[in-house]
N, C-alpha and C. Protein backbone atom coordinates (compact mmCIF):
# COMPACT_ATOMS: atom_id res chain seq x y z
N MET A 1 10.46 -17.73 -4.46
CA MET A 1 10.53 -16.57 -5.33
C MET A 1 10.16 -15.33 -4.51
N GLY A 2 10.96 -14.28 -4.60
CA GLY A 2 10.71 -13.06 -3.86
C GLY A 2 9.55 -12.28 -4.45
N ARG A 3 8.83 -11.56 -3.57
CA ARG A 3 7.71 -10.76 -4.04
C ARG A 3 7.30 -9.76 -2.96
N ILE A 4 6.57 -8.73 -3.38
CA ILE A 4 5.95 -7.77 -2.47
C ILE A 4 4.45 -7.88 -2.65
N THR A 5 3.74 -8.01 -1.53
CA THR A 5 2.29 -8.04 -1.54
C THR A 5 1.78 -7.07 -0.47
N THR A 6 0.49 -6.77 -0.53
CA THR A 6 -0.11 -5.89 0.47
C THR A 6 -1.59 -6.20 0.59
N HIS A 7 -2.18 -5.68 1.63
CA HIS A 7 -3.64 -5.62 1.76
C HIS A 7 -3.96 -4.45 2.68
N VAL A 8 -5.21 -3.98 2.59
CA VAL A 8 -5.62 -2.83 3.38
C VAL A 8 -6.93 -3.17 4.09
N LEU A 9 -6.94 -2.96 5.40
CA LEU A 9 -8.14 -3.17 6.20
C LEU A 9 -8.59 -1.82 6.76
N ASP A 10 -9.87 -1.54 6.62
CA ASP A 10 -10.46 -0.33 7.19
C ASP A 10 -10.91 -0.68 8.60
N THR A 11 -10.10 -0.31 9.58
CA THR A 11 -10.38 -0.71 10.95
C THR A 11 -11.56 0.05 11.56
N ALA A 12 -11.87 1.23 11.04
CA ALA A 12 -13.01 1.99 11.55
C ALA A 12 -14.34 1.35 11.12
N LEU A 13 -14.37 0.81 9.91
CA LEU A 13 -15.59 0.17 9.42
C LEU A 13 -15.59 -1.34 9.63
N GLY A 14 -14.43 -1.89 10.01
CA GLY A 14 -14.35 -3.32 10.27
C GLY A 14 -14.46 -4.18 9.03
N ARG A 15 -13.85 -3.72 7.93
CA ARG A 15 -13.93 -4.50 6.67
C ARG A 15 -12.72 -4.17 5.79
N PRO A 16 -12.51 -4.99 4.76
CA PRO A 16 -11.43 -4.69 3.81
C PRO A 16 -11.69 -3.37 3.09
N ALA A 17 -10.62 -2.69 2.74
CA ALA A 17 -10.72 -1.42 2.02
C ALA A 17 -10.72 -1.71 0.52
N GLN A 18 -11.88 -1.68 -0.09
CA GLN A 18 -12.03 -1.97 -1.52
C GLN A 18 -11.85 -0.70 -2.34
N ASN A 19 -11.24 -0.85 -3.52
CA ASN A 19 -11.04 0.25 -4.48
C ASN A 19 -10.12 1.34 -3.95
N LEU A 20 -9.09 0.95 -3.24
CA LEU A 20 -8.09 1.90 -2.76
C LEU A 20 -6.89 1.83 -3.69
N LYS A 21 -6.49 2.96 -4.22
CA LYS A 21 -5.36 3.03 -5.16
C LYS A 21 -4.04 2.97 -4.39
N ILE A 22 -3.10 2.21 -4.95
CA ILE A 22 -1.76 2.05 -4.37
C ILE A 22 -0.74 2.20 -5.48
N THR A 23 0.35 2.93 -5.21
CA THR A 23 1.45 2.99 -6.16
C THR A 23 2.71 2.42 -5.49
N LEU A 24 3.57 1.82 -6.31
CA LEU A 24 4.83 1.26 -5.84
C LEU A 24 5.97 1.90 -6.61
N HIS A 25 6.94 2.46 -5.87
CA HIS A 25 8.15 3.04 -6.46
C HIS A 25 9.37 2.33 -5.92
N ARG A 26 10.41 2.28 -6.75
CA ARG A 26 11.74 1.88 -6.28
C ARG A 26 12.55 3.14 -6.20
N LEU A 27 13.26 3.33 -5.08
CA LEU A 27 14.04 4.54 -4.85
C LEU A 27 15.52 4.23 -4.94
N GLU A 28 16.23 5.11 -5.64
CA GLU A 28 17.69 4.98 -5.71
C GLU A 28 18.26 6.39 -5.78
N GLY A 29 18.85 6.83 -4.68
CA GLY A 29 19.31 8.21 -4.60
C GLY A 29 18.12 9.14 -4.71
N ASP A 30 18.19 10.10 -5.64
CA ASP A 30 17.08 11.03 -5.86
C ASP A 30 16.08 10.51 -6.89
N ASP A 31 16.34 9.35 -7.47
CA ASP A 31 15.46 8.80 -8.50
C ASP A 31 14.32 8.01 -7.88
N ARG A 32 13.12 8.20 -8.45
CA ARG A 32 11.92 7.45 -8.06
C ARG A 32 11.39 6.77 -9.32
N ASP A 33 11.47 5.46 -9.36
CA ASP A 33 11.02 4.70 -10.52
C ASP A 33 9.65 4.08 -10.21
N LEU A 34 8.61 4.52 -10.92
CA LEU A 34 7.27 3.98 -10.71
C LEU A 34 7.23 2.56 -11.27
N LEU A 35 6.94 1.59 -10.41
CA LEU A 35 6.88 0.19 -10.82
C LEU A 35 5.46 -0.27 -11.12
N GLY A 36 4.48 0.43 -10.58
CA GLY A 36 3.10 0.03 -10.87
C GLY A 36 2.09 0.81 -10.05
N THR A 37 0.87 0.81 -10.59
CA THR A 37 -0.29 1.39 -9.92
C THR A 37 -1.34 0.28 -9.81
N PHE A 38 -1.93 0.14 -8.64
CA PHE A 38 -2.80 -0.99 -8.33
C PHE A 38 -4.05 -0.49 -7.63
N THR A 39 -5.09 -1.32 -7.61
CA THR A 39 -6.33 -1.03 -6.90
C THR A 39 -6.73 -2.27 -6.12
N THR A 40 -7.12 -2.07 -4.87
CA THR A 40 -7.50 -3.21 -4.04
C THR A 40 -8.85 -3.79 -4.49
N ASN A 41 -8.99 -5.08 -4.30
CA ASN A 41 -10.23 -5.78 -4.66
C ASN A 41 -11.19 -5.80 -3.47
N SER A 42 -12.24 -6.58 -3.56
CA SER A 42 -13.26 -6.63 -2.50
C SER A 42 -12.72 -7.19 -1.18
N ASP A 43 -11.57 -7.87 -1.24
CA ASP A 43 -10.94 -8.40 -0.03
C ASP A 43 -9.85 -7.47 0.50
N GLY A 44 -9.72 -6.26 -0.10
CA GLY A 44 -8.70 -5.31 0.32
C GLY A 44 -7.30 -5.67 -0.16
N ARG A 45 -7.22 -6.61 -1.10
CA ARG A 45 -5.94 -7.08 -1.62
C ARG A 45 -5.78 -6.70 -3.09
N VAL A 46 -4.56 -6.78 -3.57
CA VAL A 46 -4.29 -6.66 -4.99
C VAL A 46 -4.23 -8.09 -5.53
N ASP A 47 -4.81 -8.31 -6.70
CA ASP A 47 -4.97 -9.67 -7.22
C ASP A 47 -3.66 -10.42 -7.49
N THR A 48 -2.58 -9.69 -7.74
CA THR A 48 -1.29 -10.31 -8.03
C THR A 48 -0.22 -9.65 -7.16
N PRO A 49 0.94 -10.26 -7.01
CA PRO A 49 2.03 -9.56 -6.32
C PRO A 49 2.33 -8.23 -7.01
N LEU A 50 2.73 -7.24 -6.23
CA LEU A 50 3.05 -5.93 -6.79
C LEU A 50 4.31 -5.99 -7.65
N ILE A 51 5.21 -6.84 -7.24
CA ILE A 51 6.44 -7.11 -7.99
C ILE A 51 6.93 -8.48 -7.53
N GLU A 52 7.58 -9.21 -8.41
CA GLU A 52 8.05 -10.54 -8.03
C GLU A 52 9.20 -10.99 -8.92
N GLY A 53 9.83 -12.07 -8.49
CA GLY A 53 10.89 -12.71 -9.27
C GLY A 53 12.09 -11.82 -9.49
N ASP A 54 12.62 -11.88 -10.69
CA ASP A 54 13.84 -11.13 -11.03
C ASP A 54 13.65 -9.62 -11.00
N ALA A 55 12.42 -9.15 -11.07
CA ALA A 55 12.15 -7.71 -11.03
C ALA A 55 12.38 -7.14 -9.62
N LEU A 56 12.29 -8.00 -8.60
CA LEU A 56 12.51 -7.55 -7.22
C LEU A 56 14.00 -7.53 -6.94
N LYS A 57 14.51 -6.36 -6.61
CA LYS A 57 15.94 -6.17 -6.34
C LYS A 57 16.12 -5.70 -4.91
N ARG A 58 17.29 -5.93 -4.38
CA ARG A 58 17.68 -5.38 -3.08
C ARG A 58 17.63 -3.86 -3.18
N GLY A 59 17.10 -3.19 -2.16
CA GLY A 59 17.07 -1.74 -2.18
C GLY A 59 15.88 -1.17 -1.42
N THR A 60 15.57 0.07 -1.72
CA THR A 60 14.52 0.80 -1.02
C THR A 60 13.31 0.97 -1.92
N TYR A 61 12.14 0.72 -1.34
CA TYR A 61 10.87 0.81 -2.06
C TYR A 61 9.92 1.70 -1.27
N GLU A 62 8.92 2.21 -1.97
CA GLU A 62 7.90 3.01 -1.30
C GLU A 62 6.52 2.66 -1.85
N LEU A 63 5.65 2.24 -0.96
CA LEU A 63 4.24 2.05 -1.28
C LEU A 63 3.51 3.32 -0.86
N THR A 64 2.69 3.86 -1.74
CA THR A 64 1.85 5.00 -1.38
C THR A 64 0.40 4.56 -1.45
N PHE A 65 -0.27 4.65 -0.33
CA PHE A 65 -1.68 4.30 -0.24
C PHE A 65 -2.47 5.60 -0.39
N HIS A 66 -3.27 5.70 -1.41
CA HIS A 66 -4.04 6.91 -1.70
C HIS A 66 -5.35 6.84 -0.92
N ALA A 67 -5.22 7.05 0.39
CA ALA A 67 -6.32 6.85 1.32
C ALA A 67 -7.39 7.94 1.23
N GLY A 68 -7.02 9.15 0.85
CA GLY A 68 -7.97 10.25 0.82
C GLY A 68 -9.17 9.98 -0.05
N ALA A 69 -8.94 9.54 -1.27
CA ALA A 69 -10.05 9.25 -2.19
C ALA A 69 -10.92 8.13 -1.64
N TYR A 70 -10.29 7.11 -1.07
CA TYR A 70 -11.05 6.01 -0.47
C TYR A 70 -11.90 6.51 0.70
N LEU A 71 -11.30 7.28 1.59
CA LEU A 71 -12.04 7.77 2.76
C LEU A 71 -13.20 8.67 2.36
N ARG A 72 -13.00 9.52 1.37
CA ARG A 72 -14.10 10.38 0.90
C ARG A 72 -15.24 9.54 0.32
N HIS A 73 -14.88 8.50 -0.40
CA HIS A 73 -15.88 7.65 -1.05
C HIS A 73 -16.68 6.82 -0.03
N THR A 74 -16.05 6.40 1.04
CA THR A 74 -16.71 5.49 1.98
C THR A 74 -17.37 6.19 3.17
N ARG A 75 -17.15 7.48 3.32
CA ARG A 75 -17.75 8.22 4.43
C ARG A 75 -18.74 9.24 3.87
N GLU A 76 -19.99 9.06 4.21
CA GLU A 76 -21.04 9.96 3.71
C GLU A 76 -20.80 11.38 4.22
N GLY A 77 -20.89 12.34 3.31
CA GLY A 77 -20.73 13.74 3.67
C GLY A 77 -19.31 14.12 4.03
N CYS A 78 -18.35 13.35 3.59
CA CYS A 78 -16.94 13.62 3.93
C CYS A 78 -16.35 14.58 2.90
N ASP A 79 -16.66 15.86 3.04
CA ASP A 79 -16.11 16.86 2.12
C ASP A 79 -15.15 17.80 2.83
N ALA A 80 -14.89 17.55 4.11
CA ALA A 80 -13.96 18.36 4.88
C ALA A 80 -12.52 17.99 4.51
N VAL A 81 -11.60 18.79 4.98
CA VAL A 81 -10.18 18.47 4.80
C VAL A 81 -9.89 17.23 5.64
N LEU A 82 -9.30 16.24 5.01
CA LEU A 82 -9.02 14.98 5.71
C LEU A 82 -7.73 15.07 6.51
N PHE A 83 -7.69 14.37 7.61
CA PHE A 83 -6.46 14.28 8.39
C PHE A 83 -5.41 13.46 7.64
N LEU A 84 -5.83 12.35 7.02
CA LEU A 84 -4.93 11.50 6.23
C LEU A 84 -5.33 11.55 4.77
N ASP A 85 -4.36 11.66 3.90
CA ASP A 85 -4.62 11.64 2.46
C ASP A 85 -3.74 10.56 1.84
N GLU A 86 -2.55 10.91 1.39
CA GLU A 86 -1.62 9.90 0.86
C GLU A 86 -0.74 9.42 2.00
N ILE A 87 -0.59 8.10 2.09
CA ILE A 87 0.21 7.49 3.15
C ILE A 87 1.38 6.75 2.51
N PRO A 88 2.59 7.33 2.59
CA PRO A 88 3.76 6.64 2.04
C PRO A 88 4.40 5.72 3.09
N ILE A 89 4.71 4.51 2.69
CA ILE A 89 5.42 3.56 3.54
C ILE A 89 6.72 3.21 2.82
N ARG A 90 7.83 3.66 3.36
CA ARG A 90 9.14 3.40 2.76
C ARG A 90 9.80 2.26 3.53
N PHE A 91 10.30 1.28 2.78
CA PHE A 91 10.88 0.09 3.42
C PHE A 91 12.01 -0.45 2.58
N GLY A 92 12.85 -1.26 3.20
CA GLY A 92 14.01 -1.82 2.53
C GLY A 92 13.85 -3.30 2.27
N ILE A 93 14.40 -3.72 1.14
CA ILE A 93 14.46 -5.13 0.76
C ILE A 93 15.92 -5.56 0.85
N GLU A 94 16.22 -6.43 1.78
CA GLU A 94 17.58 -6.93 1.92
C GLU A 94 17.77 -8.21 1.11
N ALA A 95 16.82 -9.13 1.23
CA ALA A 95 16.92 -10.43 0.56
C ALA A 95 15.80 -10.51 -0.49
N ALA A 96 16.16 -10.32 -1.74
CA ALA A 96 15.17 -10.25 -2.82
C ALA A 96 14.50 -11.58 -3.12
N ASP A 97 14.93 -12.65 -2.47
CA ASP A 97 14.29 -13.96 -2.69
C ASP A 97 13.21 -14.25 -1.64
N GLN A 98 12.92 -13.28 -0.78
CA GLN A 98 11.92 -13.47 0.27
C GLN A 98 10.60 -12.78 -0.08
N HIS A 99 9.57 -13.14 0.67
CA HIS A 99 8.25 -12.53 0.53
C HIS A 99 8.15 -11.37 1.53
N TYR A 100 7.86 -10.19 1.02
CA TYR A 100 7.65 -9.00 1.84
C TYR A 100 6.18 -8.61 1.73
N HIS A 101 5.44 -8.80 2.80
CA HIS A 101 4.03 -8.44 2.84
C HIS A 101 3.90 -7.18 3.70
N VAL A 102 3.36 -6.10 3.11
CA VAL A 102 3.29 -4.81 3.79
C VAL A 102 1.82 -4.38 3.87
N PRO A 103 1.10 -4.80 4.91
CA PRO A 103 -0.30 -4.44 5.04
C PRO A 103 -0.48 -3.05 5.66
N LEU A 104 -1.65 -2.50 5.45
CA LEU A 104 -2.01 -1.22 6.05
C LEU A 104 -3.33 -1.39 6.80
N LEU A 105 -3.34 -1.01 8.06
CA LEU A 105 -4.56 -0.96 8.86
C LEU A 105 -4.93 0.52 8.94
N LEU A 106 -6.08 0.87 8.41
CA LEU A 106 -6.43 2.26 8.15
C LEU A 106 -7.68 2.70 8.89
N SER A 107 -7.66 3.91 9.42
CA SER A 107 -8.86 4.59 9.91
C SER A 107 -8.70 6.06 9.52
N PRO A 108 -9.73 6.87 9.64
CA PRO A 108 -9.62 8.26 9.21
C PRO A 108 -8.57 9.09 9.97
N PHE A 109 -8.18 8.65 11.17
CA PHE A 109 -7.25 9.45 11.97
C PHE A 109 -5.98 8.71 12.37
N GLY A 110 -5.74 7.55 11.78
CA GLY A 110 -4.54 6.83 12.11
C GLY A 110 -4.35 5.60 11.23
N TYR A 111 -3.14 5.08 11.24
CA TYR A 111 -2.84 3.86 10.49
C TYR A 111 -1.67 3.15 11.15
N SER A 112 -1.53 1.88 10.82
CA SER A 112 -0.36 1.13 11.24
C SER A 112 0.01 0.14 10.14
N THR A 113 1.24 -0.30 10.19
CA THR A 113 1.74 -1.26 9.23
C THR A 113 2.77 -2.15 9.92
N TYR A 114 3.16 -3.20 9.26
CA TYR A 114 4.14 -4.13 9.79
C TYR A 114 4.59 -5.03 8.66
N ARG A 115 5.63 -5.80 8.86
CA ARG A 115 6.00 -6.81 7.87
C ARG A 115 5.22 -8.07 8.20
N GLY A 116 4.30 -8.40 7.33
CA GLY A 116 3.48 -9.59 7.53
C GLY A 116 4.06 -10.81 6.83
N SER A 117 3.23 -11.82 6.73
CA SER A 117 3.69 -13.06 6.08
C SER A 117 2.74 -13.44 4.97
């Protein structure tokens, strides 16, 4: 069964990013369809797949990681303008019957992602 999952690791603190808000959109032309809003748990994961089964279609999706609020909350005295705030990751789904895992490795001044398993 196809699905999209994610997790977030705070590489600067060396731990999962807990209570980080994530939104998932499906994009089609100029349309952006909000599919869900999620919050990471104590393991930096969302408790369920973001989307799965027949709801997952071939096409373009965008995960937005709302890192600014998380970074302000986890860094004492962090009231300055942040280098990173919202981090959009746009990706394509070719085979809707596969598992697409899109993790985020986060620090205050950089991030990386990849297709995981």
